[in-house]
Protein backbone atom coordinates (compact mmCIF):
# COMPACT_ATOMS: atom_id res chain seq x y z
CA MET A 1 11.21 -15.79 -2.82
CA ALA A 2 12.60 -12.28 -2.52
CA VAL A 3 11.46 -9.22 -4.43
CA ALA A 4 13.60 -6.50 -5.90
CA SER A 5 11.55 -3.37 -5.37
CA GLN A 6 11.52 -0.38 -7.69
CA THR A 7 9.87 2.68 -6.24
CA ARG A 8 9.36 6.36 -6.93
CA ALA A 9 10.44 8.91 -4.34
CA GLU A 10 7.76 9.90 -1.81
CA THR A 11 6.01 13.19 -2.48
CA GLY A 12 3.98 15.52 -0.31
CA GLU A 13 4.05 15.05 3.44
CA GLY A 14 4.74 11.32 3.40
CA PRO A 15 2.97 8.03 4.08
CA ALA A 16 1.66 8.91 7.56
CA ALA A 17 -0.07 12.05 6.30
CA PHE A 18 -1.54 10.09 3.41
CA PHE A 19 -2.82 7.44 5.83
CA ARG A 20 -4.44 10.07 8.05
CA ALA A 21 -6.16 11.71 5.11
CA GLN A 22 -7.44 8.38 3.84
CA HIS A 23 -8.61 7.36 7.32
CA ALA A 24 -10.52 10.62 7.75
CA ALA A 25 -12.15 10.29 4.32
CA PHE A 26 -13.25 6.71 5.00
CA GLY A 27 -14.56 7.80 8.38
CA LEU A 28 -16.75 10.46 6.80
CA THR A 29 -18.16 7.95 4.31
CA LEU A 30 -18.85 5.35 6.98
CA ASP A 31 -20.65 7.93 9.12
CA ALA A 32 -22.64 9.45 6.26
CA HIS A 33 -23.89 6.12 4.88
CA LYS A 34 -24.26 4.06 8.04
CA GLY A 35 -27.18 1.67 7.62
CA ALA A 36 -27.81 2.72 4.01
CA ALA A 37 -28.48 0.16 1.29
CA ASP A 38 -25.48 1.42 -0.69
CA PHE A 39 -23.13 1.30 2.33
CA LEU A 40 -20.93 -1.45 0.89
CA ASP A 41 -20.86 0.10 -2.58
CA ARG A 42 -19.73 3.46 -1.22
CA ILE A 43 -16.87 2.02 0.81
CA TRP A 44 -15.70 -0.32 -1.96
CA MET A 45 -15.77 2.37 -4.65
CA GLN A 46 -13.92 4.84 -2.46
CA ALA A 47 -11.18 2.34 -1.65
CA PHE A 48 -10.57 1.33 -5.24
CA SER A 49 -10.86 4.77 -6.80
CA SER A 50 -8.46 6.16 -4.20
CA TYR A 51 -5.98 3.38 -4.88
CA GLU A 52 -6.15 3.78 -8.65
CA HIS A 53 -5.79 7.57 -8.55
CA ASN A 54 -2.92 7.64 -6.07
CA VAL A 55 -0.96 4.76 -7.56
CA ALA A 56 -1.15 6.50 -10.95
CA GLU A 57 0.34 9.62 -9.38
CA GLN A 58 3.12 7.71 -7.63
CA THR A 59 4.22 5.61 -10.61
CA LYS A 60 4.48 8.20 -13.37
CA ASP A 61 8.25 7.82 -13.68
CA LEU A 62 8.50 4.06 -13.32
CA PRO A 63 9.17 1.60 -16.18
CA PRO A 64 6.17 -0.06 -17.87
CA LEU A 65 4.72 -3.05 -16.10
CA ALA A 66 5.08 -6.56 -17.51
CA CYS A 67 1.63 -7.56 -16.24
CA ARG A 68 -0.77 -8.39 -19.07
CA LYS A 69 -4.01 -10.19 -19.81
CA GLY A 70 -3.39 -13.91 -20.04
CA CYS A 71 -0.51 -13.99 -17.56
CA GLY A 72 -1.65 -15.59 -14.32
CA THR A 73 1.77 -16.35 -12.89
CA CYS A 74 1.17 -14.48 -9.63
CA CYS A 75 -2.26 -16.06 -9.18
CA ARG A 76 -0.79 -18.71 -6.90
CA ILE A 77 -0.19 -16.18 -4.15
CA GLN A 78 -2.41 -16.12 -1.11
CA VAL A 79 -4.86 -13.22 -1.33
CA VAL A 80 -6.04 -11.46 1.81
CA ALA A 81 -8.83 -8.90 1.71
CA THR A 82 -11.04 -6.74 3.89
CA ALA A 83 -14.70 -7.57 4.45
CA PRO A 84 -15.98 -4.99 1.90
CA GLU A 85 -13.71 -6.48 -0.77
CA VAL A 86 -14.80 -10.05 0.00
CA LEU A 87 -18.48 -9.15 0.03
CA MET A 88 -18.22 -7.32 -3.29
CA VAL A 89 -16.53 -10.34 -4.91
CA ALA A 90 -19.28 -12.56 -3.46
CA ARG A 91 -21.92 -10.29 -4.96
CA TYR A 92 -20.16 -10.44 -8.34
CA VAL A 93 -19.89 -14.24 -8.24
CA ARG A 94 -23.61 -14.55 -7.49
CA ALA A 95 -24.51 -12.16 -10.31
CA MET A 96 -22.20 -13.67 -12.92
CA ALA A 97 -22.33 -17.39 -12.04
CA GLY A 98 -25.12 -18.19 -14.52
CA GLY A 99 -23.44 -16.43 -17.42
CA PHE A 100 -20.06 -18.02 -16.78
CA ARG A 101 -21.66 -21.44 -16.41
CA LYS A 102 -22.98 -21.13 -19.97
CA VAL A 103 -19.39 -20.96 -21.24
CA GLY A 104 -18.20 -23.83 -19.08
CA ILE A 105 -16.90 -21.91 -16.06
CA ASP A 106 -18.62 -22.91 -12.80
CA LEU A 107 -17.43 -20.26 -10.34
CA PRO A 108 -19.10 -21.66 -7.18
CA ALA A 109 -17.81 -25.17 -7.96
CA ARG A 110 -14.28 -23.89 -8.57
CA LEU A 111 -14.38 -22.06 -5.25
CA ALA A 112 -15.76 -25.04 -3.35
CA ALA A 113 -13.02 -27.28 -4.73
CA THR A 114 -10.22 -24.94 -3.65
CA ALA A 115 -8.61 -25.41 -0.27
CA ASP A 116 -8.61 -22.50 2.15
CA ALA A 117 -5.32 -21.07 3.38
CA THR A 118 -4.07 -22.76 6.54
CA ALA A 119 -2.07 -21.61 9.50
CA GLU A 120 0.99 -23.16 7.86
CA THR A 121 0.55 -21.38 4.53
CA ALA A 122 -0.74 -18.03 5.77
CA GLY A 123 1.64 -15.24 4.85
CA THR A 124 3.62 -17.26 2.32
CA MET A 125 4.08 -16.08 -1.24
CA PHE A 126 3.07 -19.19 -3.19
CA LEU A 127 0.41 -21.60 -1.95
CA GLY A 128 1.01 -24.31 -4.52
CA ARG A 129 -2.46 -23.93 -5.98
CA GLU A 130 -4.01 -21.76 -8.65
CA CYS A 131 -6.63 -19.13 -7.87
CA PRO A 132 -10.10 -20.61 -8.54
CA PHE A 133 -10.99 -17.50 -10.54
CA LEU A 134 -8.23 -17.98 -13.10
CA ALA A 135 -9.58 -19.46 -16.34
CA GLU A 136 -7.17 -19.97 -19.26
CA GLY A 137 -4.86 -17.39 -17.71
CA ILE A 138 -7.60 -14.78 -17.34
CA CYS A 139 -9.02 -13.46 -14.08
CA VAL A 140 -12.79 -13.83 -14.33
CA ILE A 141 -13.41 -11.51 -11.36
CA TYR A 142 -11.02 -8.85 -12.68
CA PRO A 143 -13.42 -5.87 -12.29
CA VAL A 144 -13.78 -6.55 -8.55
CA ARG A 145 -10.38 -8.11 -7.79
CA PRO A 146 -9.09 -7.17 -4.32
CA LEU A 147 -6.52 -4.50 -3.56
CA ALA A 148 -3.94 -7.20 -2.86
CA CYS A 149 -4.18 -8.32 -6.50
CA ARG A 150 -4.06 -4.75 -7.81
CA GLY A 151 -1.03 -3.91 -5.73
CA HIS A 152 1.11 -6.90 -6.73
CA VAL A 153 2.69 -6.04 -10.08
CA SER A 154 5.99 -6.87 -11.74
CA PHE A 155 8.36 -5.33 -14.24
CA ASN A 156 9.61 -8.68 -15.55
CA GLU A 157 7.35 -11.58 -16.56
CA GLU A 158 10.24 -14.00 -17.07
CA ALA A 159 11.42 -13.39 -13.51
CA CYS A 160 7.92 -14.15 -12.21
CA VAL A 161 7.79 -17.43 -14.10
CA SER A 162 11.29 -18.39 -12.97
CA ALA A 163 10.45 -17.64 -9.36
CA LEU A 164 7.33 -19.79 -9.59
CA GLU A 165 9.49 -22.65 -10.86
CA ASP A 166 12.12 -22.03 -8.13
CA GLU A 167 14.67 -20.99 -10.73
CA ALA A 168 15.01 -17.37 -9.59
CA ASP A 169 15.30 -15.68 -6.22
CA GLU A 170 14.22 -12.15 -7.13
CA VAL A 171 11.22 -10.59 -8.84
CA PRO A 172 11.35 -6.86 -9.64
CA VAL A 173 8.04 -5.62 -8.24
CA SER A 174 6.75 -2.08 -7.87
CA GLU A 175 7.08 -0.99 -4.27
CA SER A 176 4.99 2.08 -5.09
CA HIS A 177 1.99 -0.10 -5.94
CA ARG A 178 2.47 -2.15 -2.79
CA THR A 179 2.86 0.91 -0.57
CA VAL A 180 -0.23 2.70 -1.86
CA ARG A 181 -2.24 -0.52 -1.57
CA ALA A 182 -1.07 -1.07 2.02
CA LEU A 183 -1.85 2.51 3.06
CA VAL A 184 -5.31 2.59 1.47
CA GLN A 185 -6.20 -0.85 2.81
CA GLY A 186 -4.83 -0.04 6.26
CA ALA A 187 -6.71 3.26 6.41
CA LEU A 188 -9.92 1.44 5.46
CA GLN A 189 -9.35 -1.16 8.17
CA SER A 190 -8.64 1.55 10.74
CA ALA A 191 -11.79 3.50 9.84
CA LEU A 192 -13.91 0.33 9.96
CA ARG A 193 -12.46 -0.44 13.39
CA ASP A 194 -13.27 3.03 14.71
CA ALA A 195 -16.81 2.77 13.33
CA GLY A 196 -17.47 -0.60 15.00
CA HIS A 197 -17.38 -2.75 11.87
CA ALA A 198 -15.42 -5.92 11.09
CA TRP A 199 -11.94 -4.73 10.16
CA SER A 200 -9.71 -7.81 9.94
CA LEU A 201 -7.97 -9.25 6.90
CA TYR A 202 -9.38 -12.54 5.61
CA ASP A 203 -8.23 -15.36 3.37
CA LEU A 204 -10.13 -14.59 0.16
CA VAL A 205 -11.07 -18.19 -0.65
CA GLY A 206 -12.23 -19.10 2.85
CA ALA A 207 -14.08 -15.82 3.35
CA LEU A 208 -15.88 -16.11 0.00
CA LYS A 209 -17.17 -19.57 0.90
CA ILE A 210 -18.69 -18.08 4.05
CA ALA A 211 -20.12 -15.03 2.28
CA LEU A 212 -21.72 -17.10 -0.47
CA ALA A 213 -23.28 -19.45 2.08
CA ARG A 214 -25.00 -16.57 3.89
CA VAL A 215 -27.57 -14.63 1.91
CA ASP A 216 -27.63 -12.03 4.70
CA ALA A 217 -23.86 -11.52 4.77
CA GLU A 218 -23.97 -7.91 3.57
CA ALA A 219 -26.75 -6.96 5.99
CA ALA A 220 -24.90 -8.62 8.86
CA PHE A 221 -21.73 -6.70 8.00
CA ARG A 222 -23.64 -3.42 7.93
CA ALA A 223 -25.00 -4.25 11.37
CA GLY A 224 -21.49 -4.74 12.76
CA GLU A 225 -21.25 -8.54 12.73
CA ASP A 226 -17.95 -10.16 11.77
CA VAL A 227 -19.53 -12.74 9.48
CA LEU A 228 -16.17 -13.76 8.00
CA HIS A 229 -14.45 -14.38 11.34
CA PRO A 230 -13.47 -18.05 10.67
CA ALA A 231 -11.38 -16.92 7.67
CA ILE A 232 -9.32 -14.30 9.55
CA ILE A 233 -5.64 -14.30 8.64
CA ASP A 234 -3.66 -13.27 11.70
CA HIS A 235 0.01 -13.73 10.86
CA VAL A 236 0.03 -10.07 11.90
CA SER A 237 -2.12 -9.96 15.03
CA ARG A 238 -5.10 -7.64 15.33
CA GLU A 239 -3.42 -6.07 18.36
CA GLU A 240 -0.29 -5.26 16.38
CA MET A 241 -2.31 -3.87 13.48
CA ALA A 242 -4.37 -1.73 15.85
CA ARG A 243 -1.22 -0.32 17.46
CA THR A 244 0.17 0.52 14.03
CA PHE A 245 -3.04 2.24 12.95
CA ASP A 246 -3.18 4.28 16.17
CA LYS A 247 0.44 5.33 15.75
CA LEU A 248 -0.15 6.43 12.15
CA LYS A 249 -3.25 8.39 13.17
CA ALA A 250 -1.45 10.21 15.99
C-alpha cells in the first residue's frame, strides 16, 4: 500500500539540526538521571513532550486529520518501539490490568494470544491481525501509545478503510507527523546508544511479552541490559542505523 504524503515546508535549520538538538537534549537527561528511580519516566516524558510540541508547530497549516476515537483502521500495522516506550506500556498494562478486567478486557490475555511479528512480516504495513489493545475500536493504552502510533495519521478515513480492504492504493498521510516522529525517535535511539543503553527498535507485541514476564525489566534496562533483545526488529540493521545517526550528528 502506498501513501500520498502531505507535508508542511521545513522551517529553521532543517532536519539534521533538529536531530542534533534532540540528541544533545536526550544526552543531558540520560547523564543527569543515570541510575535514578525516575530514569525511565524522564526519558519517556521528554520524548513524547518533544514530539507533541514539535509536530504541533510543523502542522499548523495542514488540513484537519481524519483520525478519531473509535476508528482503529490503522491498528493492524506493525508497531515498533524503543525500550523506554515498551517498558512504559508494560508498566501501564500492569497498573491497569485489574481495572480493565472488571469491564471484561483482559489485557495480559489479549497480549498472550497475539502472535509476534515474524521475519516475514517485519516492515510490512498490515500484519493481518488487530492490535491486542484495541477494544471496540478504542485504544486502551492510548495515554502511553508509542511514537509510531502517534506519528501515523491520515487525512482521509475512507481511504484508510479502502486500503485495508485492498480497494485503494493510496492513503493521504501526514509526512510532517512521520518526519518529526522519526527524528525524535532516532535522536532518542542515538543518545541511548552513546550512553550505553539498549537502543534498538522492537516489535511492540513481542517486546511487551518479555517485559511483562520480567519484574526486573526496568532495573535491567537502567543497568544497560538489552532485556528485549529477542524482539528486535532489524529490517534496517543496527549498523545502518548507527551510520545514519553518526552522519546526522556530524
